[in-house]
Amino acid sequence: MATYGIDTNVLVYWQMGDLPEHAHVEAFFEREVYSGRNELALCPLILYEFVHVVDHAAVDASVG
């Protein structure tokens, strides 16, 4: 079993289905993580950045 360190951009691609990279990231998660073959490692800074980016994207979408 391997442990993958995931960066903010990967989480953003996973969350935002309208991005072109979403399908690739979802396939990776299905193949490597959801299957139980491997694990993810996240540090608090990555989670903070993810929430910041996704939250601001939601605000921008509602305004524009």
C-alpha atoms as a PDB file:
ATOM      1  CA  MET A   1       0.000   0.000   0.000  1.00  0.00           C
ATOM      2  CA  ALA A   2       1.257   3.453  -0.950  1.00  0.00           C
ATOM      3  CA  THR A   3       0.391   6.809   0.543  1.00  0.00           C
ATOM      4  CA  TYR A   4      -0.176   9.696  -1.856  1.00  0.00           C
ATOM      5  CA  GLY A   5       0.343  13.262  -0.736  1.00  0.00           C
ATOM      6  CA  ILE A   6      -2.360  15.306  -2.414  1.00  0.00           C
ATOM      7  CA  ASP A   7      -1.940  18.983  -3.249  1.00  0.00           C
ATOM      8  CA  THR A   8      -4.645  21.650  -3.297  1.00  0.00           C
ATOM      9  CA  ASN A   9      -5.112  21.667  -7.053  1.00  0.00           C
ATOM     10  CA  VAL A  10      -5.976  17.948  -7.063  1.00  0.00           C
ATOM     11  CA  LEU A  11      -8.688  18.492  -4.451  1.00  0.00           C
ATOM     12  CA  VAL A  12     -10.062  21.447  -6.416  1.00  0.00           C
ATOM     13  CA  TYR A  13     -10.197  19.384  -9.623  1.00  0.00           C
ATOM     14  CA  TRP A  14     -11.940  16.580  -7.722  1.00  0.00           C
ATOM     15  CA  GLN A  15     -14.546  18.935  -6.232  1.00  0.00           C
ATOM     16  CA  MET A  16     -15.311  21.044  -9.306  1.00  0.00           C
ATOM     17  CA  GLY A  17     -16.864  18.761 -11.889  1.00  0.00           C
ATOM     18  CA  ASP A  18     -16.935  21.386 -14.645  1.00  0.00           C
ATOM     19  CA  LEU A  19     -13.134  21.546 -14.866  1.00  0.00           C
ATOM     20  CA  PRO A  20     -11.478  19.471 -17.617  1.00  0.00           C
ATOM     21  CA  GLU A  21      -9.133  17.803 -15.097  1.00  0.00           C
ATOM     22  CA  HIS A  22     -12.033  16.484 -12.997  1.00  0.00           C
ATOM     23  CA  ALA A  23     -12.445  13.222 -14.926  1.00  0.00           C
ATOM     24  CA  HIS A  24      -8.734  12.383 -14.618  1.00  0.00           C
ATOM     25  CA  VAL A  25      -8.671  13.048 -10.877  1.00  0.00           C
ATOM     26  CA  GLU A  26     -11.904  11.119 -10.282  1.00  0.00           C
ATOM     27  CA  ALA A  27     -10.484   8.142 -12.214  1.00  0.00           C
ATOM     28  CA  PHE A  28      -7.312   8.307 -10.121  1.00  0.00           C
ATOM     29  CA  PHE A  29      -9.309   8.344  -6.868  1.00  0.00           C
ATOM     30  CA  GLU A  30     -11.464   5.423  -8.018  1.00  0.00           C
ATOM     31  CA  ARG A  31      -8.453   3.367  -9.110  1.00  0.00           C
ATOM     32  CA  GLU A  32      -6.069   4.172  -6.257  1.00  0.00           C
ATOM     33  CA  VAL A  33      -8.072   5.305  -3.224  1.00  0.00           C
ATOM     34  CA  TYR A  34     -11.748   4.277  -3.333  1.00  0.00           C
ATOM     35  CA  SER A  35     -10.619   0.739  -4.164  1.00  0.00           C
ATOM     36  CA  GLY A  36      -8.727   0.592  -0.856  1.00  0.00           C
ATOM     37  CA  ARG A  37      -5.409  -0.071  -2.596  1.00  0.00           C
ATOM     38  CA  ASN A  38      -3.766   3.123  -1.348  1.00  0.00           C
ATOM     39  CA  GLU A  39      -4.208   6.000   1.085  1.00  0.00           C
ATOM     40  CA  LEU A  40      -4.178   9.784   0.912  1.00  0.00           C
ATOM     41  CA  ALA A  41      -2.135  12.076   3.140  1.00  0.00           C
ATOM     42  CA  LEU A  42      -3.308  15.640   3.685  1.00  0.00           C
ATOM     43  CA  CYS A  43      -1.797  18.350   5.827  1.00  0.00           C
ATOM     44  CA  PRO A  44      -3.892  21.098   7.425  1.00  0.00           C
ATOM     45  CA  LEU A  45      -2.476  23.778   5.097  1.00  0.00           C
ATOM     46  CA  ILE A  46      -3.716  21.885   2.027  1.00  0.00           C
ATOM     47  CA  LEU A  47      -7.202  21.606   3.520  1.00  0.00           C
ATOM     48  CA  TYR A  48      -7.193  25.316   4.378  1.00  0.00           C
ATOM     49  CA  GLU A  49      -6.150  26.258   0.838  1.00  0.00           C
ATOM     50  CA  PHE A  50      -8.807  23.936  -0.629  1.00  0.00           C
ATOM     51  CA  VAL A  51     -11.609  25.488   1.424  1.00  0.00           C
ATOM     52  CA  HIS A  52     -10.367  28.974   0.546  1.00  0.00           C
ATOM     53  CA  VAL A  53     -10.291  28.276  -3.218  1.00  0.00           C
ATOM     54  CA  VAL A  54     -13.600  26.426  -3.379  1.00  0.00           C
ATOM     55  CA  ASP A  55     -15.381  28.934  -1.144  1.00  0.00           C
ATOM     56  CA  HIS A  56     -14.169  31.869  -3.252  1.00  0.00           C
ATOM     57  CA  ALA A  57     -15.166  30.067  -6.454  1.00  0.00           C
ATOM     58  CA  ALA A  58     -18.697  29.650  -5.096  1.00  0.00           C
ATOM     59  CA  VAL A  59     -18.886  33.337  -4.170  1.00  0.00           C
ATOM     60  CA  ASP A  60     -17.555  34.397  -7.586  1.00  0.00           C
ATOM     61  CA  ALA A  61     -20.106  32.173  -9.350  1.00  0.00           C
ATOM     62  CA  SER A  62     -22.998  33.636  -7.388  1.00  0.00           C
ATOM     63  CA  VAL A  63     -21.923  37.226  -8.060  1.00  0.00           C
ATOM     64  CA  GLY A  64     -21.026  36.912 -11.715  1.00  0.00           C
END
